[in-house]
Structure formats: C-alpha cells, structure tokens
C-alpha cells in the first residue's frame, strides 16, 4: 500500500510540474529543473577539491617529491571527473521521476567539469612550491578557503543557511584530508 501511495504522490508531483511548466505559473519549477545540474556542479567541485587535496596530502605524507605529489593530483583529477560523470549519469537516469531529471547528460557534464575545477585548486596551489613543508601546509590552507566558498555557494544555490553548510563542507574536507594524510603516513612509515 505504501508503494502505491508513493507512486501516486510521484505521479501527482510530475503532473503538477508539467502543468506549471506549461502555464509558467511556478518559479520553483524552473529551480527544480536546473537543480540537477546545479547540485551536480556544486557537489562535483567539492568532491574534486577534497579527493585531490586528500590524495596529495596522502602522498605528501610519505614522499617529499613534488613530481609524485602533482602526478597523484592529476591522476585523482582525471579519475574523479570520470567517476563523477558516470555516477551522475547513472544516478539521474535511474531516478523514478525521470521526466523531472531530463537533463541527465547536462548533470553528468556539469559534475565532471566541476570535479576538474575543484581538483585544480590544490594542484595549482602545490604545483610551483618546491619546499615540501610549505607545500604540505599550502594544500590544506588553500583547500580550506575553497571548501568554505563551495559550502557557501551550495547554500546560496540551495537557499540554505550559509554558515551551517560551509562548516559542514569544511569539516568533511578536513576529515578526508586528515584521515588520508594520517593513514598514508602510518602505512608509508611502516613500509607496508
């Protein structure tokens, strides 16, 4: 009975959206239509930033070589962009209300590009710094600023409280970078 009720509610919502879209009555419908690619872009940039900065911090924990750190960052950028694009495409495509999310390819492209933009933040910050200790400090510092910006942007686009969203994004990013750095340092120091 619950599944039938959910299907009925989804059908009703889709019908309402179709009606409002045709008549142009509801501005929220336009927001709903673009929410898929906006969400993908904001999350993609955040994911690219956190993934790449965390990988770079992990490698930086055991190797002082700038080339190894930068190559790891670029490999992370490419892998994350491909992963996010494919994941977003599959996710949007498989949604029950496919009619609302008809921009699945747009969300996939937005996600991949946003991951690349996010990933470039720590890469560009570290690329020209030769001193290992400075580089290890610059990556999380630049990532912190970018995480706060991405948190604010996501809140702004989603009409949510900016401080709460920024702190949540920052905390998640710090956690990912810290865990990656710490575990890689532990494993690399023990020669595993």
C-alpha atoms as a PDB file:
ATOM      1  CA  UNK A   1       0.000   0.000   0.000  1.00  0.00           C
ATOM      2  CA  UNK A   2       2.879   2.386   0.797  1.00  0.00           C
ATOM      3  CA  UNK A   3       4.482   1.800  -2.637  1.00  0.00           C
ATOM      4  CA  UNK A   4       1.162   2.556  -4.357  1.00  0.00           C
ATOM      5  CA  UNK A   5       0.799   5.749  -2.341  1.00  0.00           C
ATOM      6  CA  UNK A   6       4.384   6.806  -3.170  1.00  0.00           C
ATOM      7  CA  UNK A   7       3.815   6.132  -6.868  1.00  0.00           C
ATOM      8  CA  UNK A   8       0.594   8.138  -6.727  1.00  0.00           C
ATOM      9  CA  UNK A   9       2.386  11.040  -4.988  1.00  0.00           C
ATOM     10  CA  UNK A  10       5.221  10.989  -7.554  1.00  0.00           C
ATOM     11  CA  UNK A  11       2.732  10.892 -10.424  1.00  0.00           C
ATOM     12  CA  UNK A  12       0.823  13.802  -8.878  1.00  0.00           C
ATOM     13  CA  UNK A  13       4.069  15.809  -8.447  1.00  0.00           C
ATOM     14  CA  UNK A  14       5.111  15.151 -12.047  1.00  0.00           C
ATOM     15  CA  UNK A  15       1.670  16.149 -13.306  1.00  0.00           C
ATOM     16  CA  UNK A  16       1.802  19.344 -11.228  1.00  0.00           C
ATOM     17  CA  UNK A  17       5.248  20.180 -12.577  1.00  0.00           C
ATOM     18  CA  UNK A  18       4.119  19.512 -16.158  1.00  0.00           C
ATOM     19  CA  UNK A  19       1.072  21.735 -15.683  1.00  0.00           C
ATOM     20  CA  UNK A  20       3.004  24.548 -14.016  1.00  0.00           C
ATOM     21  CA  UNK A  21       5.744  24.374 -16.633  1.00  0.00           C
ATOM     22  CA  UNK A  22       3.253  24.693 -19.468  1.00  0.00           C
ATOM     23  CA  UNK A  23       1.435  27.609 -17.835  1.00  0.00           C
ATOM     24  CA  UNK A  24       4.570  29.243 -16.418  1.00  0.00           C
ATOM     25  CA  UNK A  25       2.906  29.666 -13.020  1.00  0.00           C
ATOM     26  CA  UNK A  26       5.611  28.491 -10.637  1.00  0.00           C
ATOM     27  CA  UNK A  27       9.165  29.872 -10.489  1.00  0.00           C
ATOM     28  CA  UNK A  28      10.176  26.980  -8.217  1.00  0.00           C
ATOM     29  CA  UNK A  29       9.643  24.631 -11.156  1.00  0.00           C
ATOM     30  CA  UNK A  30      12.449  26.350 -13.042  1.00  0.00           C
ATOM     31  CA  UNK A  31      14.667  25.932  -9.988  1.00  0.00           C
ATOM     32  CA  UNK A  32      13.693  22.263  -9.823  1.00  0.00           C
ATOM     33  CA  UNK A  33      14.618  21.756 -13.455  1.00  0.00           C
ATOM     34  CA  UNK A  34      18.070  23.222 -13.021  1.00  0.00           C
ATOM     35  CA  UNK A  35      18.603  21.742  -9.556  1.00  0.00           C
ATOM     36  CA  UNK A  36      20.038  18.526 -11.010  1.00  0.00           C
ATOM     37  CA  UNK A  37      22.960  20.114 -12.771  1.00  0.00           C
ATOM     38  CA  UNK A  38      23.477  22.788 -10.090  1.00  0.00           C
ATOM     39  CA  UNK A  39      23.632  20.099  -7.415  1.00  0.00           C
ATOM     40  CA  UNK A  40      25.989  18.045  -9.560  1.00  0.00           C
ATOM     41  CA  UNK A  41      28.241  21.038 -10.181  1.00  0.00           C
ATOM     42  CA  UNK A  42      28.465  22.096  -6.521  1.00  0.00           C
ATOM     43  CA  UNK A  43      28.973  18.551  -5.274  1.00  0.00           C
ATOM     44  CA  UNK A  44      31.397  17.818  -8.093  1.00  0.00           C
ATOM     45  CA  UNK A  45      33.591  20.818  -7.304  1.00  0.00           C
ATOM     46  CA  UNK A  46      33.568  19.882  -3.628  1.00  0.00           C
ATOM     47  CA  UNK A  47      34.389  16.257  -4.429  1.00  0.00           C
ATOM     48  CA  UNK A  48      37.186  17.183  -6.827  1.00  0.00           C
ATOM     49  CA  UNK A  49      38.711  19.505  -4.255  1.00  0.00           C
ATOM     50  CA  UNK A  50      38.510  17.065  -1.346  1.00  0.00           C
ATOM     51  CA  UNK A  51      39.588  13.996  -3.335  1.00  0.00           C
ATOM     52  CA  UNK A  52      42.556  15.680  -4.969  1.00  0.00           C
ATOM     53  CA  UNK A  53      43.721  17.543  -1.862  1.00  0.00           C
ATOM     54  CA  UNK A  54      43.395  14.350   0.198  1.00  0.00           C
ATOM     55  CA  UNK A  55      45.363  12.292  -2.334  1.00  0.00           C
ATOM     56  CA  UNK A  56      48.048  14.955  -2.488  1.00  0.00           C
ATOM     57  CA  UNK A  57      48.225  15.127   1.301  1.00  0.00           C
ATOM     58  CA  UNK A  58      48.457  11.333   1.489  1.00  0.00           C
ATOM     59  CA  UNK A  59      51.340  11.158  -0.961  1.00  0.00           C
ATOM     60  CA  UNK A  60      52.935  14.198   0.665  1.00  0.00           C
ATOM     61  CA  UNK A  61      52.880  12.351   3.983  1.00  0.00           C
ATOM     62  CA  UNK A  62      55.375   9.774   2.701  1.00  0.00           C
ATOM     63  CA  UNK A  63      57.116  11.375  -0.285  1.00  0.00           C
ATOM     64  CA  UNK A  64      58.771  14.760  -0.438  1.00  0.00           C
ATOM     65  CA  UNK A  65      58.978  14.689  -4.232  1.00  0.00           C
ATOM     66  CA  UNK A  66      56.842  17.437  -5.793  1.00  0.00           C
ATOM     67  CA  UNK A  67      56.502  15.446  -9.026  1.00  0.00           C
ATOM     68  CA  UNK A  68      54.944  12.458  -7.230  1.00  0.00           C
ATOM     69  CA  UNK A  69      52.510  14.739  -5.432  1.00  0.00           C
ATOM     70  CA  UNK A  70      51.460  16.597  -8.596  1.00  0.00           C
ATOM     71  CA  UNK A  71      51.140  13.407 -10.673  1.00  0.00           C
ATOM     72  CA  UNK A  72      48.967  11.888  -7.968  1.00  0.00           C
ATOM     73  CA  UNK A  73      46.816  15.023  -8.009  1.00  0.00           C
ATOM     74  CA  UNK A  74      46.365  14.880 -11.786  1.00  0.00           C
ATOM     75  CA  UNK A  75      45.551  11.162 -11.673  1.00  0.00           C
ATOM     76  CA  UNK A  76      42.999  11.928  -8.949  1.00  0.00           C
ATOM     77  CA  UNK A  77      41.518  14.747 -11.035  1.00  0.00           C
ATOM     78  CA  UNK A  78      41.005  12.506 -14.072  1.00  0.00           C
ATOM     79  CA  UNK A  79      39.701   9.546 -12.077  1.00  0.00           C
ATOM     80  CA  UNK A  80      37.328  11.692 -10.002  1.00  0.00           C
ATOM     81  CA  UNK A  81      35.970  13.575 -13.030  1.00  0.00           C
ATOM     82  CA  UNK A  82      35.265  10.335 -14.896  1.00  0.00           C
ATOM     83  CA  UNK A  83      33.792   8.691 -11.819  1.00  0.00           C
ATOM     84  CA  UNK A  84      31.518  11.625 -11.018  1.00  0.00           C
ATOM     85  CA  UNK A  85      30.304  11.983 -14.596  1.00  0.00           C
ATOM     86  CA  UNK A  86      29.478   8.305 -14.941  1.00  0.00           C
ATOM     87  CA  UNK A  87      27.980   8.121 -11.452  1.00  0.00           C
ATOM     88  CA  UNK A  88      25.849  11.209 -12.017  1.00  0.00           C
ATOM     89  CA  UNK A  89      24.628   9.983 -15.386  1.00  0.00           C
ATOM     90  CA  UNK A  90      23.618   6.602 -13.978  1.00  0.00           C
ATOM     91  CA  UNK A  91      22.069   8.166 -10.866  1.00  0.00           C
ATOM     92  CA  UNK A  92      19.958  10.697 -12.715  1.00  0.00           C
ATOM     93  CA  UNK A  93      18.983   8.208 -15.404  1.00  0.00           C
ATOM     94  CA  UNK A  94      17.707   5.689 -12.876  1.00  0.00           C
ATOM     95  CA  UNK A  95      15.549   8.101 -10.886  1.00  0.00           C
ATOM     96  CA  UNK A  96      11.882   7.276 -10.679  1.00  0.00           C
ATOM     97  CA  UNK A  97      10.854  10.724 -11.851  1.00  0.00           C
ATOM     98  CA  UNK A  98      12.980  10.692 -14.987  1.00  0.00           C
ATOM     99  CA  UNK A  99      10.777  13.351 -16.523  1.00  0.00           C
ATOM    100  CA  UNK A 100      11.876  15.915 -13.951  1.00  0.00           C
ATOM    101  CA  UNK A 101      15.538  14.990 -14.427  1.00  0.00           C
ATOM    102  CA  UNK A 102      15.528  15.049 -18.210  1.00  0.00           C
ATOM    103  CA  UNK A 103      18.852  16.896 -18.193  1.00  0.00           C
ATOM    104  CA  UNK A 104      20.867  13.814 -17.198  1.00  0.00           C
ATOM    105  CA  UNK A 105      23.659  14.476 -19.677  1.00  0.00           C
ATOM    106  CA  UNK A 106      23.874  18.097 -18.539  1.00  0.00           C
ATOM    107  CA  UNK A 107      24.249  16.938 -14.918  1.00  0.00           C
ATOM    108  CA  UNK A 108      26.971  14.453 -15.898  1.00  0.00           C
ATOM    109  CA  UNK A 109      28.949  17.086 -17.792  1.00  0.00           C
ATOM    110  CA  UNK A 110      28.475  19.667 -15.023  1.00  0.00           C
ATOM    111  CA  UNK A 111      29.667  17.128 -12.478  1.00  0.00           C
ATOM    112  CA  UNK A 112      32.784  16.174 -14.453  1.00  0.00           C
ATOM    113  CA  UNK A 113      33.740  19.786 -15.148  1.00  0.00           C
ATOM    114  CA  UNK A 114      33.113  20.807 -11.551  1.00  0.00           C
ATOM    115  CA  UNK A 115      35.307  17.973 -10.256  1.00  0.00           C
ATOM    116  CA  UNK A 116      38.079  19.182 -12.535  1.00  0.00           C
ATOM    117  CA  UNK A 117      37.680  22.782 -11.303  1.00  0.00           C
ATOM    118  CA  UNK A 118      37.695  21.663  -7.678  1.00  0.00           C
ATOM    119  CA  UNK A 119      40.695  19.407  -8.261  1.00  0.00           C
ATOM    120  CA  UNK A 120      42.685  22.224  -9.864  1.00  0.00           C
ATOM    121  CA  UNK A 121      42.598  24.257  -6.629  1.00  0.00           C
ATOM    122  CA  UNK A 122      45.102  22.129  -4.653  1.00  0.00           C
ATOM    123  CA  UNK A 123      47.038  21.222  -7.804  1.00  0.00           C
ATOM    124  CA  UNK A 124      47.698  24.839  -8.735  1.00  0.00           C
ATOM    125  CA  UNK A 125      48.478  25.693  -5.124  1.00  0.00           C
ATOM    126  CA  UNK A 126      51.130  22.968  -4.860  1.00  0.00           C
ATOM    127  CA  UNK A 127      52.499  22.916  -8.380  1.00  0.00           C
ATOM    128  CA  UNK A 128      55.047  25.689  -8.024  1.00  0.00           C
ATOM    129  CA  UNK A 129      56.155  25.150  -4.417  1.00  0.00           C
ATOM    130  CA  UNK A 130      59.420  23.263  -4.137  1.00  0.00           C
ATOM    131  CA  UNK A 131      59.737  23.141  -0.352  1.00  0.00           C
ATOM    132  CA  UNK A 132      57.926  20.056   0.974  1.00  0.00           C
ATOM    133  CA  UNK A 133      56.897  21.519   4.350  1.00  0.00           C
ATOM    134  CA  UNK A 134      55.494  24.660   2.755  1.00  0.00           C
ATOM    135  CA  UNK A 135      53.639  22.590   0.139  1.00  0.00           C
ATOM    136  CA  UNK A 136      52.120  20.345   2.847  1.00  0.00           C
ATOM    137  CA  UNK A 137      50.850  23.468   4.626  1.00  0.00           C
ATOM    138  CA  UNK A 138      49.625  25.279   1.499  1.00  0.00           C
ATOM    139  CA  UNK A 139      47.421  22.447   0.148  1.00  0.00           C
ATOM    140  CA  UNK A 140      45.084  22.224   3.184  1.00  0.00           C
ATOM    141  CA  UNK A 141      45.133  26.014   3.634  1.00  0.00           C
ATOM    142  CA  UNK A 142      44.009  26.674   0.061  1.00  0.00           C
ATOM    143  CA  UNK A 143      41.577  23.751   0.297  1.00  0.00           C
ATOM    144  CA  UNK A 144      40.087  25.295   3.458  1.00  0.00           C
ATOM    145  CA  UNK A 145      39.340  28.563   1.682  1.00  0.00           C
ATOM    146  CA  UNK A 146      37.881  26.734  -1.336  1.00  0.00           C
ATOM    147  CA  UNK A 147      35.758  24.450   0.878  1.00  0.00           C
ATOM    148  CA  UNK A 148      34.274  27.483   2.618  1.00  0.00           C
ATOM    149  CA  UNK A 149      33.497  29.039  -0.775  1.00  0.00           C
ATOM    150  CA  UNK A 150      31.943  25.810  -2.104  1.00  0.00           C
ATOM    151  CA  UNK A 151      29.914  25.427   1.095  1.00  0.00           C
ATOM    152  CA  UNK A 152      28.630  28.973   0.764  1.00  0.00           C
ATOM    153  CA  UNK A 153      27.881  28.507  -2.948  1.00  0.00           C
ATOM    154  CA  UNK A 154      25.933  25.311  -2.315  1.00  0.00           C
ATOM    155  CA  UNK A 155      23.935  27.031   0.420  1.00  0.00           C
ATOM    156  CA  UNK A 156      23.284  30.052  -1.757  1.00  0.00           C
ATOM    157  CA  UNK A 157      22.101  27.962  -4.713  1.00  0.00           C
ATOM    158  CA  UNK A 158      20.018  25.744  -2.456  1.00  0.00           C
ATOM    159  CA  UNK A 159      18.658  28.643  -0.421  1.00  0.00           C
ATOM    160  CA  UNK A 160      20.029  27.094   2.792  1.00  0.00           C
ATOM    161  CA  UNK A 161      21.854  28.612   5.806  1.00  0.00           C
ATOM    162  CA  UNK A 162      25.347  29.505   4.565  1.00  0.00           C
ATOM    163  CA  UNK A 163      27.259  29.186   7.839  1.00  0.00           C
ATOM    164  CA  UNK A 164      25.911  25.731   8.615  1.00  0.00           C
ATOM    165  CA  UNK A 165      26.570  24.469   5.084  1.00  0.00           C
ATOM    166  CA  UNK A 166      30.075  25.947   4.976  1.00  0.00           C
ATOM    167  CA  UNK A 167      31.031  24.403   8.317  1.00  0.00           C
ATOM    168  CA  UNK A 168      29.640  21.012   7.231  1.00  0.00           C
ATOM    169  CA  UNK A 169      31.601  21.079   3.950  1.00  0.00           C
ATOM    170  CA  UNK A 170      34.758  22.296   5.698  1.00  0.00           C
ATOM    171  CA  UNK A 171      34.509  19.626   8.399  1.00  0.00           C
ATOM    172  CA  UNK A 172      34.060  16.889   5.813  1.00  0.00           C
ATOM    173  CA  UNK A 173      37.009  18.145   3.799  1.00  0.00           C
ATOM    174  CA  UNK A 174      39.283  18.397   6.832  1.00  0.00           C
ATOM    175  CA  UNK A 175      38.241  14.907   7.900  1.00  0.00           C
ATOM    176  CA  UNK A 176      39.022  13.433   4.470  1.00  0.00           C
ATOM    177  CA  UNK A 177      42.397  15.185   4.188  1.00  0.00           C
ATOM    178  CA  UNK A 178      43.354  14.348   7.774  1.00  0.00           C
ATOM    179  CA  UNK A 179      42.416  10.675   7.506  1.00  0.00           C
ATOM    180  CA  UNK A 180      44.178  10.320   4.158  1.00  0.00           C
ATOM    181  CA  UNK A 181      47.315  12.063   5.424  1.00  0.00           C
ATOM    182  CA  UNK A 182      47.373  10.159   8.724  1.00  0.00           C
ATOM    183  CA  UNK A 183      46.706   6.670   7.367  1.00  0.00           C
ATOM    184  CA  UNK A 184      49.096   7.092   4.434  1.00  0.00           C
ATOM    185  CA  UNK A 185      51.780   8.409   6.799  1.00  0.00           C
ATOM    186  CA  UNK A 186      51.219   5.425   9.107  1.00  0.00           C
ATOM    187  CA  UNK A 187      51.289   2.867   6.301  1.00  0.00           C
ATOM    188  CA  UNK A 188      54.184   4.546   4.485  1.00  0.00           C
ATOM    189  CA  UNK A 189      56.239   4.865   7.695  1.00  0.00           C
ATOM    190  CA  UNK A 190      55.797   1.179   8.475  1.00  0.00           C
ATOM    191  CA  UNK A 191      56.894   0.159   4.994  1.00  0.00           C
ATOM    192  CA  UNK A 192      53.673  -1.666   4.105  1.00  0.00           C
END
